[in-house]
Structures are given as structure tokens and as C-alpha cells.
Protein backbone atom coordinates (compact mmCIF):
# COMPACT_ATOMS: atom_id res chain seq x y z
CA UNK A 1 39.99 -0.82 -25.80
CA UNK A 2 36.76 -1.51 -27.65
CA UNK A 3 33.69 -2.32 -25.57
CA UNK A 4 32.05 -5.55 -26.68
CA UNK A 5 28.26 -5.26 -26.77
CA UNK A 6 26.12 -8.37 -26.54
CA UNK A 7 23.99 -9.23 -29.57
CA UNK A 8 20.82 -8.50 -27.61
CA UNK A 9 22.08 -5.07 -26.52
CA UNK A 10 23.04 -4.22 -30.10
CA UNK A 11 19.51 -5.04 -31.20
CA UNK A 12 17.83 -2.55 -28.86
CA UNK A 13 16.58 0.57 -30.63
CA UNK A 14 17.57 3.35 -28.22
CA UNK A 15 18.45 6.87 -29.35
CA UNK A 16 21.88 7.62 -27.78
CA UNK A 17 21.15 11.31 -27.25
CA UNK A 18 17.95 10.52 -25.34
CA UNK A 19 19.36 8.52 -22.44
CA UNK A 20 17.81 10.25 -19.43
CA UNK A 21 17.83 7.10 -17.33
CA UNK A 22 21.09 5.16 -17.08
CA UNK A 23 22.61 7.32 -14.32
CA UNK A 24 19.79 6.05 -12.04
CA UNK A 25 20.81 2.40 -12.29
CA UNK A 26 23.09 2.22 -9.24
CA UNK A 27 20.50 3.93 -7.04
CA UNK A 28 17.70 1.70 -8.25
CA UNK A 29 19.63 -1.53 -7.71
CA UNK A 30 19.96 -0.68 -4.03
CA UNK A 31 16.15 -0.67 -3.84
CA UNK A 32 15.65 -4.12 -5.34
CA UNK A 33 15.80 -6.03 -2.01
CA UNK A 34 12.72 -4.08 -0.89
CA UNK A 35 10.61 -5.57 -3.68
CA UNK A 36 8.80 -8.90 -3.50
CA UNK A 37 9.63 -11.64 -6.05
CA UNK A 38 7.99 -11.52 -9.49
CA UNK A 39 6.93 -7.90 -9.10
CA UNK A 40 4.36 -5.98 -11.10
CA UNK A 41 5.84 -2.71 -12.36
CA UNK A 42 3.94 0.38 -13.48
CA UNK A 43 5.67 3.09 -15.47
CA UNK A 44 4.18 6.47 -16.42
CA UNK A 45 6.10 7.92 -19.34
CA UNK A 46 8.20 5.23 -21.01
CA UNK A 47 9.58 6.97 -24.12
CA UNK A 48 11.69 4.27 -25.84
CA UNK A 49 11.74 2.00 -22.80
CA UNK A 50 15.24 2.28 -21.31
CA UNK A 51 14.02 2.09 -17.71
CA UNK A 52 11.37 -0.54 -18.51
CA UNK A 53 13.91 -2.76 -20.27
CA UNK A 54 16.31 -2.41 -17.35
CA UNK A 55 13.61 -3.38 -14.85
CA UNK A 56 12.45 -6.36 -16.89
CA UNK A 57 16.00 -7.66 -17.28
CA UNK A 58 17.14 -7.00 -13.72
CA UNK A 59 14.24 -6.74 -11.27
CA UNK A 60 12.08 -9.23 -13.19
CA UNK A 61 14.87 -11.66 -14.00
CA UNK A 62 12.97 -14.48 -12.27
CA UNK A 63 9.48 -13.35 -13.21
CA UNK A 64 7.24 -10.33 -13.18
CA UNK A 65 5.81 -7.86 -15.65
CA UNK A 66 5.78 -4.19 -16.58
CA UNK A 67 2.87 -2.00 -17.65
CA UNK A 68 3.91 1.11 -19.58
CA UNK A 69 1.61 4.11 -20.05
CA UNK A 70 2.58 6.72 -22.64
CA UNK A 71 0.42 8.67 -25.08
CA UNK A 72 2.82 8.57 -28.09
CA UNK A 73 1.07 11.71 -29.38
CA UNK A 74 -2.01 9.48 -29.70
CA UNK A 75 -0.32 8.03 -32.80
CA UNK A 76 -1.25 11.21 -34.68
CA UNK A 77 2.33 12.13 -35.55
CA UNK A 78 5.17 10.10 -37.09
CA UNK A 79 7.44 10.75 -34.09
CA UNK A 80 4.88 9.27 -31.70
CA UNK A 81 4.33 6.22 -33.85
CA UNK A 82 8.10 5.71 -34.10
CA UNK A 83 8.55 5.88 -30.30
CA UNK A 84 5.78 3.32 -29.89
CA UNK A 85 7.44 1.02 -32.43
CA UNK A 86 10.80 1.28 -30.67
CA UNK A 87 9.26 0.73 -27.23
CA UNK A 88 7.42 -2.44 -28.25
CA UNK A 89 10.51 -3.70 -30.08
CA UNK A 90 12.76 -3.11 -27.08
CA UNK A 91 10.38 -4.66 -24.58
CA UNK A 92 9.86 -7.69 -26.81
CA UNK A 93 13.60 -8.35 -26.89
CA UNK A 94 13.62 -8.90 -23.12
CA UNK A 95 11.44 -11.97 -23.50
CA UNK A 96 9.52 -10.86 -20.42
CA UNK A 97 5.85 -10.05 -19.92
CA UNK A 98 4.81 -6.48 -20.71
CA UNK A 99 1.83 -4.35 -21.65
CA UNK A 100 1.74 -0.94 -23.33
CA UNK A 101 -1.23 1.38 -22.80
CA UNK A 102 -1.02 4.07 -25.49
CA UNK A 103 -3.02 6.76 -23.73
CA UNK A 104 -2.45 9.81 -21.61
CA UNK A 105 -1.76 8.88 -18.01
CA UNK A 106 -5.13 9.78 -16.51
CA UNK A 107 -7.31 7.66 -18.84
CA UNK A 108 -4.64 4.94 -18.81
CA UNK A 109 -4.57 4.81 -15.02
CA UNK A 110 -8.36 4.92 -14.82
CA UNK A 111 -8.41 1.96 -17.18
CA UNK A 112 -6.17 0.03 -14.76
CA UNK A 113 -8.29 1.08 -11.79
CA UNK A 114 -11.47 -0.09 -13.52
CA UNK A 115 -9.83 -3.39 -14.44
CA UNK A 116 -8.78 -3.94 -10.83
CA UNK A 117 -12.29 -3.31 -9.52
CA UNK A 118 -13.73 -5.73 -12.07
CA UNK A 119 -11.17 -8.53 -11.83
CA UNK A 120 -9.32 -7.99 -8.52
CA UNK A 121 -5.98 -8.03 -10.31
CA UNK A 122 -2.89 -7.77 -8.17
CA UNK A 123 -1.59 -4.28 -7.44
CA UNK A 124 1.84 -2.92 -8.35
CA UNK A 125 5.08 -3.37 -6.43
CA UNK A 126 7.20 -0.76 -8.24
CA UNK A 127 5.88 2.52 -9.66
CA UNK A 128 7.88 5.02 -11.72
CA UNK A 129 6.23 8.37 -12.43
CA UNK A 130 8.00 10.24 -15.24
CA UNK A 131 5.17 11.69 -17.31
CA UNK A 132 3.93 15.24 -17.59
CA UNK A 133 5.99 17.91 -15.82
CA UNK A 134 2.94 20.01 -14.97
CA UNK A 135 2.49 20.12 -11.20
CA UNK A 136 -1.20 19.22 -11.25
CA UNK A 137 -0.62 16.38 -13.71
CA UNK A 138 2.15 15.01 -11.50
CA UNK A 139 -0.08 15.20 -8.43
CA UNK A 140 -2.84 13.35 -10.29
CA UNK A 141 -0.41 10.71 -11.59
CA UNK A 142 0.85 10.20 -8.06
CA UNK A 143 -2.60 9.89 -6.53
CA UNK A 144 -3.93 7.43 -9.11
CA UNK A 145 -0.81 5.25 -9.05
CA UNK A 146 -0.90 5.32 -5.23
CA UNK A 147 -4.30 3.64 -5.35
CA UNK A 148 -2.87 0.91 -7.56
CA UNK A 149 0.23 0.36 -5.41
CA UNK A 150 0.52 -2.50 -2.94
CA UNK A 151 1.59 -2.05 0.65
CA UNK A 152 5.40 -2.01 0.50
CA UNK A 153 5.59 -0.76 -3.09
CA UNK A 154 8.55 1.39 -4.12
CA UNK A 155 7.33 4.60 -5.78
CA UNK A 156 9.69 6.92 -7.67
CA UNK A 157 8.95 10.44 -8.92
CA UNK A 158 11.41 11.78 -11.48
CA UNK A 159 12.69 15.33 -12.11
CA UNK A 160 12.16 16.70 -8.60
CA UNK A 161 14.85 19.31 -9.31
CA UNK A 162 14.17 19.74 -13.04
CA UNK A 163 16.07 22.79 -14.27
CA UNK A 164 13.89 23.90 -17.18
CA UNK A 165 11.25 25.73 -15.11
CA UNK A 166 11.45 27.39 -11.67
CA UNK A 167 10.73 24.85 -8.95
CA UNK A 168 7.92 26.98 -7.51
CA UNK A 169 6.19 27.11 -10.91
CA UNK A 170 2.92 25.32 -11.62
CA UNK A 171 4.77 24.04 -14.68
CA UNK A 172 7.30 22.16 -12.52
CA UNK A 173 6.64 18.66 -11.09
CA UNK A 174 8.06 19.56 -7.65
CA UNK A 175 4.90 21.37 -6.54
CA UNK A 176 2.78 18.38 -7.46
CA UNK A 177 5.15 15.93 -5.77
CA UNK A 178 5.27 18.02 -2.59
CA UNK A 179 1.47 18.21 -2.51
CA UNK A 180 1.28 14.43 -2.90
CA UNK A 181 3.79 13.87 -0.10
CA UNK A 182 1.91 16.20 2.22
CA UNK A 183 -1.39 14.49 1.43
CA UNK A 184 -0.03 11.04 2.31
CA UNK A 185 2.20 12.04 5.21
CA UNK A 186 2.50 9.09 7.61
CA UNK A 187 1.67 6.50 4.94
CA UNK A 188 5.15 6.10 3.47
CA UNK A 189 8.84 6.05 4.28
CA UNK A 190 10.99 8.45 2.32
CA UNK A 191 14.09 6.70 0.99
CA UNK A 192 15.76 9.59 -0.87
CA UNK A 193 17.17 12.87 0.39
CA UNK A 194 15.54 16.21 -0.38
CA UNK A 195 18.48 17.10 -2.63
CA UNK A 196 18.14 14.02 -4.83
CA UNK A 197 16.75 14.53 -8.33
CA UNK A 198 14.22 11.74 -7.72
CA UNK A 199 11.81 11.35 -4.82
CA UNK A 200 11.79 7.71 -3.73
CA UNK A 201 9.33 6.43 -1.14
CA UNK A 202 8.09 3.07 0.09
CA UNK A 203 4.37 2.78 0.71
CA UNK A 204 3.38 1.74 4.23
CA UNK A 205 -0.38 1.47 3.90
CA UNK A 206 -2.90 -0.89 2.34
CA UNK A 207 -4.02 -0.66 -1.26
CA UNK A 208 -7.36 1.16 -1.56
CA UNK A 209 -9.04 1.82 -4.89
CA UNK A 210 -11.71 4.09 -3.41
CA UNK A 211 -14.58 3.64 -5.85
CA UNK A 212 -16.99 1.09 -7.29
CA UNK A 213 -18.43 0.52 -10.74
CA UNK A 214 -22.12 0.55 -11.52
CA UNK A 215 -23.28 -1.77 -14.27
CA UNK A 216 -26.59 -3.11 -15.53
CA UNK A 217 -26.77 -5.48 -12.60
CA UNK A 218 -26.31 -2.68 -10.08
CA UNK A 219 -23.41 -1.77 -7.84
CA UNK A 220 -20.60 -4.27 -7.41
CA UNK A 221 -20.26 -4.43 -3.62
CA UNK A 222 -16.68 -4.30 -2.44
CA UNK A 223 -15.57 -3.44 1.09
CA UNK A 224 -12.05 -2.55 -0.04
CA UNK A 225 -13.29 -0.01 -2.55
CA UNK A 226 -15.39 1.69 0.11
CA UNK A 227 -12.38 1.68 2.42
CA UNK A 228 -14.27 -0.50 4.91
CA UNK A 229 -12.54 -3.06 7.07
CA UNK A 230 -13.64 -6.06 9.06
CA UNK A 231 -13.53 -5.17 12.74
CA UNK A 232 -12.33 -8.16 14.73
CA UNK A 233 -11.80 -8.30 18.49
CA UNK A 234 -10.16 -10.71 20.91
CA UNK A 235 -9.98 -10.39 24.68
CA UNK A 236 -6.65 -11.66 25.94
CA UNK A 237 -4.76 -12.00 29.19
CA UNK A 238 -1.18 -13.17 29.61
CA UNK A 239 -2.16 -16.83 29.65
CA UNK A 240 -3.86 -16.58 26.25
CA UNK A 241 -1.32 -14.41 24.43
CA UNK A 242 0.23 -17.33 22.55
CA UNK A 243 -3.04 -18.95 21.40
CA UNK A 244 -4.33 -15.49 20.44
CA UNK A 245 -1.35 -15.25 18.09
CA UNK A 246 -2.57 -18.46 16.42
CA UNK A 247 -6.03 -16.94 15.94
CA UNK A 248 -4.56 -13.77 14.44
CA UNK A 249 -2.15 -15.73 12.23
CA UNK A 250 -5.08 -17.69 10.84
CA UNK A 251 -6.95 -14.46 10.13
CA UNK A 252 -4.00 -12.98 8.28
CA UNK A 253 -3.25 -16.15 6.32
CA UNK A 254 -6.81 -16.68 5.13
CA UNK A 255 -8.18 -13.18 4.53
CA UNK A 256 -7.12 -10.77 1.79
CA UNK A 257 -9.23 -7.72 2.64
CA UNK A 258 -8.59 -4.98 5.14
CA UNK A 259 -8.97 -5.95 8.80
CA UNK A 260 -8.78 -4.02 12.04
CA UNK A 261 -7.91 -6.42 14.83
CA UNK A 262 -8.52 -5.15 18.35
CA UNK A 263 -6.74 -7.06 21.11
CA UNK A 264 -8.46 -6.02 24.33
CA UNK A 265 -6.33 -6.29 27.46
CA UNK A 266 -8.24 -8.11 30.17
CA UNK A 267 -7.09 -5.56 32.74
CA UNK A 268 -9.30 -2.89 31.21
CA UNK A 269 -9.88 -0.70 34.27
CA UNK A 270 -10.13 -1.04 38.02
CA UNK A 271 -13.92 -0.81 38.04
CA UNK A 272 -14.46 -3.25 35.17
CA UNK A 273 -16.07 -6.65 35.55
CA UNK A 274 -12.82 -8.17 34.36
CA UNK A 275 -10.65 -6.50 36.98
CA UNK A 276 -13.07 -7.35 39.77
CA UNK A 277 -14.20 -10.83 38.79
CA UNK A 278 -11.79 -12.31 36.24
CA UNK A 279 -10.91 -12.48 32.56
CA UNK A 280 -14.02 -14.48 31.67
CA UNK A 281 -15.98 -11.21 31.78
CA UNK A 282 -13.75 -9.34 29.34
CA UNK A 283 -16.07 -9.74 26.36
CA UNK A 284 -18.72 -7.74 28.23
CA UNK A 285 -16.29 -4.97 29.15
CA UNK A 286 -15.16 -4.96 25.52
CA UNK A 287 -18.57 -3.67 24.45
CA UNK A 288 -17.90 -0.37 26.20
CA UNK A 289 -14.38 0.28 24.96
CA UNK A 290 -14.29 -0.73 21.28
CA UNK A 291 -14.39 2.35 18.97
CA UNK A 292 -16.58 0.62 16.35
CA UNK A 293 -20.25 -0.05 15.70
CA UNK A 294 -20.02 -3.66 14.53
CA UNK A 295 -17.46 -6.29 15.48
CA UNK A 296 -16.68 -9.95 14.98
CA UNK A 297 -15.63 -11.30 18.37
CA UNK A 298 -13.35 -14.35 18.50
CA UNK A 299 -12.21 -16.30 21.53
CA UNK A 300 -8.44 -16.66 21.65
CA UNK A 301 -8.77 -20.46 21.51
CA UNK A 302 -10.04 -20.44 17.92
CA UNK A 303 -8.26 -21.56 14.76
CA UNK A 304 -9.17 -19.64 11.59
CA UNK A 305 -8.96 -21.94 8.57
CA UNK A 306 -10.86 -20.05 5.87
CA UNK A 307 -11.90 -16.50 4.93
CA UNK A 308 -14.39 -14.94 7.34
CA UNK A 309 -15.67 -12.20 5.01
CA UNK A 310 -18.96 -14.02 4.41
CA UNK A 311 -19.49 -14.20 8.16
CA UNK A 312 -18.65 -10.52 8.53
CA UNK A 313 -21.17 -9.62 5.81
CA UNK A 314 -23.97 -11.62 7.45
CA UNK A 315 -27.29 -9.80 7.41
CA UNK A 316 -28.22 -9.90 11.08
CA UNK A 317 -31.81 -8.91 10.26
CA UNK A 318 -32.01 -6.48 13.15
CA UNK A 319 -30.62 -8.84 15.79
CA UNK A 320 -28.02 -7.65 18.27
CA UNK A 321 -25.99 -10.84 18.03
CA UNK A 322 -25.32 -13.61 15.52
CA UNK A 323 -23.80 -16.81 16.90
CA UNK A 324 -23.74 -20.59 16.49
CA UNK A 325 -25.48 -23.09 18.73
CA UNK A 326 -23.47 -24.45 21.62
CA UNK A 327 -22.75 -28.06 20.67
CA UNK A 328 -22.53 -29.13 24.30
CA UNK A 329 -25.87 -27.57 25.30
CA UNK A 330 -27.69 -26.61 22.10
CA UNK A 331 -31.01 -26.35 23.96
CA UNK A 332 -29.60 -24.68 27.05
CA UNK A 333 -29.42 -26.10 30.56
CA UNK A 334 -31.43 -25.93 33.75
CA UNK A 335 -29.90 -22.71 35.02
CA UNK A 336 -30.90 -20.65 31.97
CA UNK A 337 -33.96 -22.55 30.77
CA UNK A 338 -34.71 -24.80 27.83
CA UNK A 339 -34.26 -22.68 24.73
CA UNK A 340 -31.84 -22.56 21.81
CA UNK A 341 -28.53 -21.62 23.41
CA UNK A 342 -25.52 -20.14 21.64
CA UNK A 343 -21.80 -20.46 22.22
CA UNK A 344 -20.17 -17.10 22.92
CA UNK A 345 -16.76 -17.99 21.47
CA UNK A 346 -17.59 -16.50 18.06
CA UNK A 347 -20.12 -13.67 17.89
CA UNK A 348 -21.02 -11.03 15.33
CA UNK A 349 -22.20 -8.07 17.39
CA UNK A 350 -24.17 -4.95 16.51
CA UNK A 351 -22.57 -2.74 19.15
CA UNK A 352 -24.73 0.25 18.28
CA UNK A 353 -27.87 -1.64 19.20
CA UNK A 354 -26.29 -3.45 22.15
CA UNK A 355 -25.13 -0.19 23.72
CA UNK A 356 -28.73 0.98 23.99
CA UNK A 357 -29.16 -1.63 26.74
CA UNK A 358 -25.68 -1.80 28.24
CA UNK A 359 -26.95 -0.94 31.72
CA UNK A 360 -29.36 -3.88 31.69
CA UNK A 361 -26.61 -6.24 30.48
CA UNK A 362 -24.18 -5.23 33.21
CA UNK A 363 -26.88 -5.26 35.87
CA UNK A 364 -27.72 -8.84 34.94
CA UNK A 365 -24.05 -9.79 35.09
CA UNK A 366 -23.59 -8.24 38.53
CA UNK A 367 -26.85 -9.51 40.01
CA UNK A 368 -26.88 -13.09 38.75
CA UNK A 369 -23.94 -13.74 36.46
CA UNK A 370 -21.51 -14.94 39.08
CA UNK A 371 -23.85 -17.79 40.06
CA UNK A 372 -24.32 -19.02 36.50
CA UNK A 373 -22.69 -22.26 35.38
CA UNK A 374 -21.11 -20.72 32.30
CA UNK A 375 -20.78 -17.16 33.59
CA UNK A 376 -20.58 -14.69 30.67
CA UNK A 377 -22.09 -17.10 28.15
CA UNK A 378 -25.17 -17.63 30.31
CA UNK A 379 -25.54 -13.88 30.86
CA UNK A 380 -25.29 -13.17 27.14
CA UNK A 381 -27.83 -15.87 26.29
CA UNK A 382 -30.30 -14.52 28.81
CA UNK A 383 -29.75 -10.90 27.80
CA UNK A 384 -30.04 -11.61 24.05
CA UNK A 385 -32.98 -13.99 24.42
CA UNK A 386 -35.14 -13.41 21.33
CA UNK A 387 -32.54 -10.99 19.97
CA UNK A 388 -29.92 -13.27 18.46
CA UNK A 389 -29.65 -15.02 15.11
CA UNK A 390 -28.31 -18.51 14.55
CA UNK A 391 -25.37 -18.94 12.16
CA UNK A 392 -23.78 -22.09 10.81
CA UNK A 393 -21.52 -24.19 13.02
CA UNK A 394 -18.88 -23.91 10.32
CA UNK A 395 -18.14 -20.55 11.98
CA UNK A 396 -17.76 -22.05 15.46
CA UNK A 397 -17.04 -25.78 15.33
CA UNK A 398 -16.88 -27.01 18.93
CA UNK A 399 -16.31 -30.37 20.55
CA UNK A 400 -14.78 -31.99 17.49
CA UNK A 401 -13.49 -35.47 18.20
CA UNK A 402 -15.04 -35.36 21.69
CA UNK A 403 -18.54 -34.49 22.89
CA UNK A 404 -19.74 -33.47 19.41
CA UNK A 405 -19.62 -37.17 18.55
CA UNK A 406 -21.76 -38.23 21.51
CA UNK A 407 -25.46 -38.42 20.59
CA UNK A 408 -28.11 -36.86 22.80
CA UNK A 409 -31.74 -35.77 22.32
CA UNK A 410 -30.74 -32.11 22.45
CA UNK A 411 -28.15 -32.58 19.71
CA UNK A 412 -30.80 -33.63 17.25
CA UNK A 413 -31.01 -29.93 16.35
CA UNK A 414 -27.35 -29.98 15.28
CA UNK A 415 -26.58 -30.14 11.56
CA UNK A 416 -23.42 -32.23 11.66
CA UNK A 417 -22.62 -31.41 8.04
CA UNK A 418 -21.78 -27.91 9.24
CA UNK A 419 -18.95 -29.35 11.35
CA UNK A 420 -17.19 -30.90 8.37
CA UNK A 421 -14.20 -28.88 7.15
CA UNK A 422 -15.14 -25.83 9.27
CA UNK A 423 -13.96 -22.28 8.71
CA UNK A 424 -13.40 -21.63 12.43
CA UNK A 425 -12.45 -24.34 14.91
CA UNK A 426 -13.12 -23.60 18.58
CA UNK A 427 -11.03 -25.54 21.10
CA UNK A 428 -13.34 -25.68 24.10
CA UNK A 429 -12.51 -27.18 27.47
CA UNK A 430 -9.84 -26.34 30.04
CA UNK A 431 -6.20 -25.60 29.30
CA UNK A 432 -5.03 -28.05 31.96
CA UNK A 433 -7.72 -30.67 32.69
CA UNK A 434 -7.79 -32.29 36.10
CA UNK A 435 -6.53 -35.84 36.46
CA UNK A 436 -10.06 -37.10 37.11
CA UNK A 437 -11.11 -35.81 33.67
CA UNK A 438 -8.11 -37.36 31.96
CA UNK A 439 -8.70 -40.72 33.69
CA UNK A 440 -12.49 -40.87 33.36
CA UNK A 441 -13.12 -43.94 31.13
CA UNK A 442 -16.64 -42.77 30.29
CA UNK A 443 -15.57 -39.48 28.72
CA UNK A 444 -12.80 -40.29 26.29
CA UNK A 445 -11.21 -38.60 24.57
CA UNK A 446 -11.46 -35.70 26.99
CA UNK A 447 -11.80 -32.06 25.97
CA UNK A 448 -8.86 -29.68 26.46
CA UNK A 449 -6.73 -27.06 24.71
CA UNK A 450 -3.88 -28.11 22.38
CA UNK A 451 -1.26 -26.11 24.28
CA UNK A 452 -2.03 -27.56 27.73
CA UNK A 453 -0.05 -30.32 29.41
CA UNK A 454 -2.42 -33.03 28.11
CA UNK A 455 -3.04 -31.57 24.66
CA UNK A 456 -6.24 -32.27 22.71
CA UNK A 457 -6.10 -36.02 22.03
CA UNK A 458 -8.07 -37.16 19.00
CA UNK A 459 -9.02 -33.61 18.04
CA UNK A 460 -8.89 -33.55 14.22
CA UNK A 461 -7.36 -30.06 14.10
CA UNK A 462 -4.83 -30.22 16.92
CA UNK A 463 -1.95 -30.73 14.47
CA UNK A 464 -3.13 -27.81 12.34
CA UNK A 465 -3.17 -25.60 15.44
CA UNK A 466 0.47 -26.46 16.17
CA UNK A 467 1.41 -25.89 12.53
CA UNK A 468 -0.15 -22.44 12.66
CA UNK A 469 1.75 -21.66 15.86
CA UNK A 470 4.96 -22.28 13.92
CA UNK A 471 4.08 -19.25 11.76
CA UNK A 472 3.80 -16.93 14.77
CA UNK A 473 6.43 -15.40 17.03
CA UNK A 474 6.63 -18.73 18.92
CA UNK A 475 8.04 -21.24 16.41
CA UNK A 476 9.55 -24.30 18.02
CA UNK A 477 7.63 -23.85 21.27
CA UNK A 478 6.53 -27.49 21.38
CA UNK A 479 10.17 -28.58 21.18
CA UNK A 480 11.37 -26.06 23.72
CA UNK A 481 12.52 -26.61 27.28
CA UNK A 482 9.83 -24.12 28.33
CA UNK A 483 7.09 -26.36 26.96
CA UNK A 484 8.60 -29.50 28.47
CA UNK A 485 8.90 -27.81 31.85
CA UNK A 486 5.26 -26.71 31.65
CA UNK A 487 4.11 -30.26 30.87
CA UNK A 488 6.11 -31.65 33.79
CA UNK A 489 4.88 -28.96 36.17
CA UNK A 490 1.20 -29.21 35.24
CA UNK A 491 1.29 -33.01 35.21
CA UNK A 492 2.69 -32.93 38.74
CA UNK A 493 0.01 -30.43 39.77
CA UNK A 494 -2.73 -32.66 38.37
CA UNK A 495 -1.34 -35.69 40.20
CA UNK A 496 -0.96 -33.76 43.46
CA UNK A 497 -4.49 -32.40 43.18
CA UNK A 498 -6.11 -35.79 42.60
CA UNK A 499 -4.08 -37.38 45.41
CA UNK A 500 -5.14 -34.61 47.78
CA UNK A 501 -8.76 -35.06 46.75
CA UNK A 502 -8.51 -38.82 47.33
CA UNK A 503 -6.91 -38.31 50.74
CA UNK A 504 -9.59 -35.80 51.73
CA UNK A 505 -12.38 -38.18 50.76
CA UNK A 506 -10.79 -41.09 52.59
CA UNK A 507 -10.29 -38.95 55.67
CA UNK A 508 -13.94 -37.92 55.61
CA UNK A 509 -15.02 -41.54 55.24
CA UNK A 510 -12.90 -42.59 58.20
CA UNK A 511 -14.31 -39.79 60.35
CA UNK A 512 -17.80 -41.01 59.59
CA UNK A 513 -16.84 -44.51 60.72
CA UNK A 514 -16.06 -43.37 64.25
């Protein structure tokens, strides 16, 4: 029976005797679910484009693109020019987006690396290395494509068991592939067996270009190229695990660069301030245990709405700490004196400098800290007096919809424009406010956390906090029986507490009458 070929297939210009690809199709199709929609594909060694056409028609059926690198004999010979003509013809027939770089792989890949540094183009989600069979060339192709590959990218090396040269030869790709695999051990998952003719892996690490470009204007600063990451820390106990997830979700949703997020357990050690005196002291203990020199500290009751890279890059001008004014007490309070006073919920910390005076900080905490009104925050303000730098309230917007709207002489130093559309919202106040606070007609709306029994009435970002929670491991919590039981329990506790307080006061009054 005659096989009917579609008009499009008949129009492809493939040489029948040069089909070194089609037997891979079934294996490759199994890999497609691993690849994100509308993928970018990079191919080293395209010949007439059989594999590229297949990927455009199948993997990129709903969008995507392929970039093909092949030298085509640098167009110096008729055979090379003919392969180029056939490749472009075949790719054009797919109707999909493609690009052909007619260079050897190293300059072609360097071109792509330079373009990424200059324009921050998206990395690749599928990489097929089928170029030179020299071991060192294969190693170099692998390393350069690795730097262009996204986390999760499928990477395929061809001809692992090529039968033209001995496998141990420098003229065989296997030695180069094995060297590449050894170099990146722990950064990928191998998806093919050692006997398979292709080595197929899935990348499990972030994309890192590893270099910068210098132009007439100087070096283009880029943390990713240097391999640097933002170091971010939260101190969390069991009661703040869920809101901490909201903070982390906001970080992930709004920041594209590399981040290292340290979640410090509030039970750090038996002799820590936290273990002895409560979780409020965890941010001091954190200073001793974090394995970094600079960190952005975030309270677990913050909502991250925008990128924080500009905050991370803040020039602290030699200060140990950078923080925003406390909206409630911007000029301090009687216990700590009348000076500019920062809120400790968001702090950029130079840990190298701070650790030079750790003994003094902890001595202050142990000698006086427990008598302070705001505990750790008062200690930090006193310790960093004259050694902290003010940052915009957009990085720590407190009291929104509540006390931030109440005028006072001290708040004349507040720039209220900084509180509009903030990057970081800080939900201050208790989780479960007492009934007296909820009922006080002179302080309405009251200040509290969104996830407590009373919520955060009138707070402009309460709804956004709950929406972010839906994108964590706790979707549907607000509709759950667990949440409803908590509201009922804490409401009853608040009522019981205020009744007991009323009864105690009345009893004392009656005793005084007799």
C-alpha cells in the first residue's frame, strides 16, 4: 500500500540517505511534558534541519522558537551553501519562528551569551548538542550551552556511543560528555541510561552566564553574571510558618534574580536569647548563625509586592544597618530617647561590621532589653544609634489604613508619598488583638494581622495578602474548617479575657468600698 505524504512533507528538502535523527522521535516525545510551553530551543549542528523541523512542528506547536548553530563550511564550499539553503527552506516551511547562526559553535554560542548579557533575553528550555565529535569541542559546547540553559531545561548530547572512533579517544565525544557530567555532578538529573546512544539530562540549577561585558560606559553591573545572589533571612516559629510562606511567595513572584532565602528556626540553641526569652529575639540570634556577610532581613508578617533588588543594592555608606523609620514612633519614645527611630521589620544588615560588636549588642539585650517597650527593636535602635541609614518607607510600609493616617507632630518627618503603592507592606500589630482594642472607639480601625481572628479591617492590602496565600501550600485556608475553628476559639478567648478583666476591676472597686 502506498504511503500518502502530505504536501508540506513532500516540500521538505531532506536527503534520504542522511537521516540520522528519525529513530530518536519516540524517545524525544516522552520528554515533551518536562518542557514549559512555548519553549526556546537551541541546536548545535543542524545539517538540513530534520530535528529542528520536528521540534518546531511538535514541541513548538503552540508557540516557541529554535536557534540553529552550524558552520556550513563558512559558506566557502558549494556543499555548505547547499546545506544552508536546505535548512532555511525546511525551517521556513514550518511557519514557526527560527534563527540560523552560520558560525562554528564556539563563536556562535559566545554571540548568544553576549546577547543575553546585553538584553537579558530568555534562556533555552531544550538544548541539542550534535556538533563536533572531538571530545574537547563537545565539552566546550556543553559548557557554553549549559550557561544558556534555564533551570529545568532538557539537554541532549548525541553520539555517546559513536562507532567511528574508540570511545576512549580524544576524537570521540564520549570523553567530553563524561567530563561535562562530572563537572556538573549534582546539578542535573540523568534521564537516559548509560547504554543509550544519547545522554539526556534535565538541568536542576539556575541559569548563570558567568561574565560581564565592558563597553565605553564601563562595566555593566549584573549580579547574575557574577554568580551573586540576594541573601534574604526570616526568623520563624510555628505560629508564623504560614505568613512566612506569603512573604517567600511574594519574593519568588516578584524577583527574577538568584536569591538565597534563609529561614531561621526560632529554637536556635538552648543558650540563645530566643530559647531563653522568646521568639522576638530571634533576629539577634540570627546574626551569629547566618553564613553570609550581608543580608536583607524580613519579618514574616511582610507582603512583597515588587522587586527588592534595588533595596538589596543599596549603598549603605559604611553603616551597619539600613532601615525605614517606624511610622508609629518615627522620633522614638521615652524609653529610648527622642531620636530618629527605625522599624526592625525590614533591615539591610552588614553582618561583617555588626559582628565586630556582637558582644556589646548581646550584653545590651541581656542587661536592659527585657525591660524595653519594644524589646529587640529598642535594643537595635540603641545599639545602632548613629550607625544606621534611613531608607524609603516604600520598603517597609507600616500602619496603612490605621495609625499611619493619624496625624501627630512626630509624623511630620514622614514622607507619605513613600507609602503609596509600596514595594513591601508590613502588617504590624498583634495576631489576635484583645477585645478592648477591637472595641475602642477612639482607635478605629484597629491594627492586627490579616490571618488573626479579627483580620486587618480597612487595611488596603489585606485582600492582596490573602490572594498571595492562595499561591502557597495553604490555598483555601480562609474557607477551611481549621480557619473557622480558630476564629471561633480566639473570639471566645478575647471575650473571656475582657470579661475576666471587667470582673477583676469590679471586684477591686467593691473591696475599696468596704
